[in-house]
Amino acid sequence: MEYRRFADTIIVRMNRGEELLEQLEKVALAENVKLAEVSALGATDDFTVGVYDLAEKRYHANSFQGAFEIASLTGTITVMDGKYYAHIHMIAGDDKGRAFGGHLNRAVISCTCEMVIRVIEGRVERTRDEEIGINLLDFKKQC
């Protein structure tokens, strides 16, 4: 992975074999990112995405292997309990034009991934909502 920061924007190139979420965390920690918008495109040959089931309060994971284009990746970087927290969704398409997506659990880069991290001044914490079962943005919590 290589990256360069331009004021409030970080441009990242991930390489074949790297795990996307691990590389995102490395950049965010190295650049002390507490709040940001994330977007990317590229290719993956091994990824897992999930869909949240509110009734069961758990994610159902779906794993895919093969040639896939990352058609859309979007998300946020925030903090929870003072630590890095990323919430990323991804859609990837296969050679037949079918798309698969959801909450990103992992993605191994097959060719490259080009990512833009737009750093936002400030900080937003997350708090666990037990009724829903997920970590929500909490604007009341002092940062």
C-alpha atoms as a PDB file:
ATOM      1  CA  MET A   1       0.000   0.000   0.000  1.00  0.00           C
ATOM      2  CA  GLU A   2       1.068   3.533  -0.711  1.00  0.00           C
ATOM      3  CA  TYR A   3      -0.705   6.784   0.054  1.00  0.00           C
ATOM      4  CA  ARG A   4      -0.299  10.516  -0.039  1.00  0.00           C
ATOM      5  CA  ARG A   5      -2.114  13.199   1.925  1.00  0.00           C
ATOM      6  CA  PHE A   6      -3.257  16.430   0.269  1.00  0.00           C
ATOM      7  CA  ALA A   7      -4.640  18.784   2.971  1.00  0.00           C
ATOM      8  CA  ASP A   8      -7.884  17.078   4.119  1.00  0.00           C
ATOM      9  CA  THR A   9      -7.788  14.288   1.516  1.00  0.00           C
ATOM     10  CA  ILE A  10      -5.783  11.064   1.508  1.00  0.00           C
ATOM     11  CA  ILE A  11      -5.348   9.111  -1.729  1.00  0.00           C
ATOM     12  CA  VAL A  12      -4.505   5.416  -1.224  1.00  0.00           C
ATOM     13  CA  ARG A  13      -3.367   2.691  -3.593  1.00  0.00           C
ATOM     14  CA  MET A  14      -3.692  -0.833  -2.238  1.00  0.00           C
ATOM     15  CA  ASN A  15      -1.877  -3.722  -3.870  1.00  0.00           C
ATOM     16  CA  ARG A  16      -2.606  -7.306  -4.807  1.00  0.00           C
ATOM     17  CA  GLY A  17      -2.968  -9.587  -1.773  1.00  0.00           C
ATOM     18  CA  GLU A  18      -3.582  -6.826   0.765  1.00  0.00           C
ATOM     19  CA  GLU A  19      -6.704  -6.916   2.926  1.00  0.00           C
ATOM     20  CA  LEU A  20      -8.664  -3.697   2.418  1.00  0.00           C
ATOM     21  CA  LEU A  21      -9.910  -3.080   5.974  1.00  0.00           C
ATOM     22  CA  GLU A  22      -6.477  -3.732   7.473  1.00  0.00           C
ATOM     23  CA  GLN A  23      -4.874  -1.212   5.117  1.00  0.00           C
ATOM     24  CA  LEU A  24      -7.583   1.382   5.780  1.00  0.00           C
ATOM     25  CA  GLU A  25      -6.952   1.094   9.516  1.00  0.00           C
ATOM     26  CA  LYS A  26      -3.177   1.462   9.030  1.00  0.00           C
ATOM     27  CA  VAL A  27      -3.627   4.708   7.091  1.00  0.00           C
ATOM     28  CA  ALA A  28      -6.205   6.098   9.519  1.00  0.00           C
ATOM     29  CA  LEU A  29      -4.020   5.397  12.545  1.00  0.00           C
ATOM     30  CA  ALA A  30      -0.860   6.722  10.871  1.00  0.00           C
ATOM     31  CA  GLU A  31      -2.666   9.935   9.897  1.00  0.00           C
ATOM     32  CA  ASN A  32      -4.586  10.234  13.199  1.00  0.00           C
ATOM     33  CA  VAL A  33      -7.971  10.245  11.409  1.00  0.00           C
ATOM     34  CA  LYS A  34     -10.902  10.552  13.840  1.00  0.00           C
ATOM     35  CA  LEU A  35     -13.669  11.443  11.376  1.00  0.00           C
ATOM     36  CA  ALA A  36     -13.736  10.818   7.625  1.00  0.00           C
ATOM     37  CA  GLU A  37     -15.717   9.800   4.586  1.00  0.00           C
ATOM     38  CA  VAL A  38     -14.312   6.837   2.626  1.00  0.00           C
ATOM     39  CA  SER A  39     -14.885   5.817  -1.001  1.00  0.00           C
ATOM     40  CA  ALA A  40     -13.064   3.382  -3.278  1.00  0.00           C
ATOM     41  CA  LEU A  41     -13.056   1.222  -6.384  1.00  0.00           C
ATOM     42  CA  GLY A  42     -10.848  -1.588  -7.589  1.00  0.00           C
ATOM     43  CA  ALA A  43     -10.871  -5.369  -7.749  1.00  0.00           C
ATOM     44  CA  THR A  44     -11.129  -8.242  -5.283  1.00  0.00           C
ATOM     45  CA  ASP A  45     -11.026 -12.010  -5.566  1.00  0.00           C
ATOM     46  CA  ASP A  46     -12.082 -12.879  -2.019  1.00  0.00           C
ATOM     47  CA  PHE A  47     -14.558 -10.867   0.038  1.00  0.00           C
ATOM     48  CA  THR A  48     -17.200 -11.227   2.730  1.00  0.00           C
ATOM     49  CA  VAL A  49     -20.156  -8.904   3.182  1.00  0.00           C
ATOM     50  CA  GLY A  50     -23.021  -9.111   5.635  1.00  0.00           C
ATOM     51  CA  VAL A  51     -26.628  -8.106   5.957  1.00  0.00           C
ATOM     52  CA  TYR A  52     -27.970  -7.160   9.383  1.00  0.00           C
ATOM     53  CA  ASP A  53     -31.008  -9.053  10.652  1.00  0.00           C
ATOM     54  CA  LEU A  54     -32.733  -6.794  13.173  1.00  0.00           C
ATOM     55  CA  ALA A  55     -34.954  -9.575  14.570  1.00  0.00           C
ATOM     56  CA  GLU A  56     -31.910 -11.753  15.311  1.00  0.00           C
ATOM     57  CA  LYS A  57     -29.615  -8.779  16.059  1.00  0.00           C
ATOM     58  CA  ARG A  58     -26.800 -10.286  14.017  1.00  0.00           C
ATOM     59  CA  TYR A  59     -25.157 -10.092  10.614  1.00  0.00           C
ATOM     60  CA  HIS A  60     -25.571 -12.875   8.085  1.00  0.00           C
ATOM     61  CA  ALA A  61     -22.277 -13.157   6.200  1.00  0.00           C
ATOM     62  CA  ASN A  62     -21.898 -14.049   2.539  1.00  0.00           C
ATOM     63  CA  SER A  63     -18.455 -14.901   1.159  1.00  0.00           C
ATOM     64  CA  PHE A  64     -17.429 -14.729  -2.492  1.00  0.00           C
ATOM     65  CA  GLN A  65     -14.348 -15.896  -4.376  1.00  0.00           C
ATOM     66  CA  GLY A  66     -13.502 -15.237  -8.011  1.00  0.00           C
ATOM     67  CA  ALA A  67     -12.995 -12.197 -10.220  1.00  0.00           C
ATOM     68  CA  PHE A  68     -14.966  -9.190  -8.933  1.00  0.00           C
ATOM     69  CA  GLU A  69     -14.819  -5.466  -9.627  1.00  0.00           C
ATOM     70  CA  ILE A  70     -15.404  -3.218  -6.624  1.00  0.00           C
ATOM     71  CA  ALA A  71     -18.178  -1.153  -8.177  1.00  0.00           C
ATOM     72  CA  SER A  72     -18.801   0.923  -5.080  1.00  0.00           C
ATOM     73  CA  LEU A  73     -17.307   1.204  -1.630  1.00  0.00           C
ATOM     74  CA  THR A  74     -18.499   3.844   0.784  1.00  0.00           C
ATOM     75  CA  GLY A  75     -18.346   4.412   4.505  1.00  0.00           C
ATOM     76  CA  THR A  76     -17.156   6.393   7.473  1.00  0.00           C
ATOM     77  CA  ILE A  77     -14.353   6.466   9.968  1.00  0.00           C
ATOM     78  CA  THR A  78     -15.331   7.512  13.486  1.00  0.00           C
ATOM     79  CA  VAL A  79     -14.271   6.491  16.993  1.00  0.00           C
ATOM     80  CA  MET A  80     -15.781   4.221  19.625  1.00  0.00           C
ATOM     81  CA  ASP A  81     -14.468   4.235  23.188  1.00  0.00           C
ATOM     82  CA  GLY A  82     -11.748   6.541  21.897  1.00  0.00           C
ATOM     83  CA  LYS A  83     -10.501   4.029  19.314  1.00  0.00           C
ATOM     84  CA  TYR A  84     -10.591   3.807  15.511  1.00  0.00           C
ATOM     85  CA  TYR A  85     -13.913   2.553  14.108  1.00  0.00           C
ATOM     86  CA  ALA A  86     -14.770   2.032  10.427  1.00  0.00           C
ATOM     87  CA  HIS A  87     -18.223   1.348   8.995  1.00  0.00           C
ATOM     88  CA  ILE A  88     -17.837   0.320   5.357  1.00  0.00           C
ATOM     89  CA  HIS A  89     -20.269  -1.062   2.754  1.00  0.00           C
ATOM     90  CA  MET A  90     -19.206  -2.528  -0.577  1.00  0.00           C
ATOM     91  CA  ILE A  91     -20.817  -3.686  -3.814  1.00  0.00           C
ATOM     92  CA  ALA A  92     -18.816  -5.903  -6.163  1.00  0.00           C
ATOM     93  CA  GLY A  93     -19.795  -7.193  -9.599  1.00  0.00           C
ATOM     94  CA  ASP A  94     -18.855 -10.394 -11.380  1.00  0.00           C
ATOM     95  CA  ASP A  95     -18.219 -11.122 -15.071  1.00  0.00           C
ATOM     96  CA  LYS A  96     -21.922 -11.725 -15.687  1.00  0.00           C
ATOM     97  CA  GLY A  97     -22.907  -8.290 -14.362  1.00  0.00           C
ATOM     98  CA  ARG A  98     -24.336  -9.607 -11.095  1.00  0.00           C
ATOM     99  CA  ALA A  99     -23.707  -7.443  -8.058  1.00  0.00           C
ATOM    100  CA  PHE A 100     -23.279  -8.548  -4.456  1.00  0.00           C
ATOM    101  CA  GLY A 101     -22.893  -6.299  -1.481  1.00  0.00           C
ATOM    102  CA  GLY A 102     -23.491  -5.323   2.085  1.00  0.00           C
ATOM    103  CA  HIS A 103     -21.551  -4.467   5.238  1.00  0.00           C
ATOM    104  CA  LEU A 104     -17.892  -5.218   4.492  1.00  0.00           C
ATOM    105  CA  ASN A 105     -16.230  -7.805   6.734  1.00  0.00           C
ATOM    106  CA  ARG A 106     -13.122  -8.381   4.604  1.00  0.00           C
ATOM    107  CA  ALA A 107     -11.837  -7.979   1.051  1.00  0.00           C
ATOM    108  CA  VAL A 108      -8.550  -9.171  -0.404  1.00  0.00           C
ATOM    109  CA  ILE A 109      -7.349  -7.005  -3.280  1.00  0.00           C
ATOM    110  CA  SER A 110      -6.747  -8.918  -6.520  1.00  0.00           C
ATOM    111  CA  CYS A 111      -5.336  -6.155  -8.768  1.00  0.00           C
ATOM    112  CA  THR A 112      -5.513  -2.798  -7.056  1.00  0.00           C
ATOM    113  CA  CYS A 113      -7.789  -0.607  -5.002  1.00  0.00           C
ATOM    114  CA  GLU A 114      -7.932   3.178  -5.305  1.00  0.00           C
ATOM    115  CA  MET A 115      -9.331   4.813  -2.195  1.00  0.00           C
ATOM    116  CA  VAL A 116     -10.147   8.380  -1.228  1.00  0.00           C
ATOM    117  CA  ILE A 117     -10.367   9.290   2.448  1.00  0.00           C
ATOM    118  CA  ARG A 118     -11.817  12.745   3.019  1.00  0.00           C
ATOM    119  CA  VAL A 119     -10.865  13.808   6.527  1.00  0.00           C
ATOM    120  CA  ILE A 120     -13.469  15.907   8.334  1.00  0.00           C
ATOM    121  CA  GLU A 121     -12.434  18.276  11.093  1.00  0.00           C
ATOM    122  CA  GLY A 122     -13.846  17.061  14.389  1.00  0.00           C
ATOM    123  CA  ARG A 123     -14.705  13.772  15.966  1.00  0.00           C
ATOM    124  CA  VAL A 124     -17.885  11.711  16.341  1.00  0.00           C
ATOM    125  CA  GLU A 125     -18.164   8.849  18.825  1.00  0.00           C
ATOM    126  CA  ARG A 126     -20.279   5.721  18.509  1.00  0.00           C
ATOM    127  CA  THR A 127     -22.369   4.139  21.239  1.00  0.00           C
ATOM    128  CA  ARG A 128     -23.882   0.669  21.313  1.00  0.00           C
ATOM    129  CA  ASP A 129     -27.681   0.694  20.957  1.00  0.00           C
ATOM    130  CA  GLU A 130     -28.811  -2.486  22.692  1.00  0.00           C
ATOM    131  CA  GLU A 131     -32.376  -2.264  21.364  1.00  0.00           C
ATOM    132  CA  ILE A 132     -31.217  -2.283  17.756  1.00  0.00           C
ATOM    133  CA  GLY A 133     -27.991  -4.183  18.420  1.00  0.00           C
ATOM    134  CA  ILE A 134     -25.550  -1.988  16.519  1.00  0.00           C
ATOM    135  CA  ASN A 135     -23.110   0.865  17.189  1.00  0.00           C
ATOM    136  CA  LEU A 136     -24.749   4.171  16.300  1.00  0.00           C
ATOM    137  CA  LEU A 137     -23.345   7.651  15.781  1.00  0.00           C
ATOM    138  CA  ASP A 138     -23.756   9.502  19.081  1.00  0.00           C
ATOM    139  CA  PHE A 139     -23.772  13.289  18.765  1.00  0.00           C
ATOM    140  CA  LYS A 140     -24.566  13.802  22.461  1.00  0.00           C
ATOM    141  CA  LYS A 141     -21.436  12.043  23.676  1.00  0.00           C
ATOM    142  CA  GLN A 142     -18.593  14.446  24.420  1.00  0.00           C
ATOM    143  CA  CYS A 143     -15.507  13.811  22.322  1.00  0.00           C
END
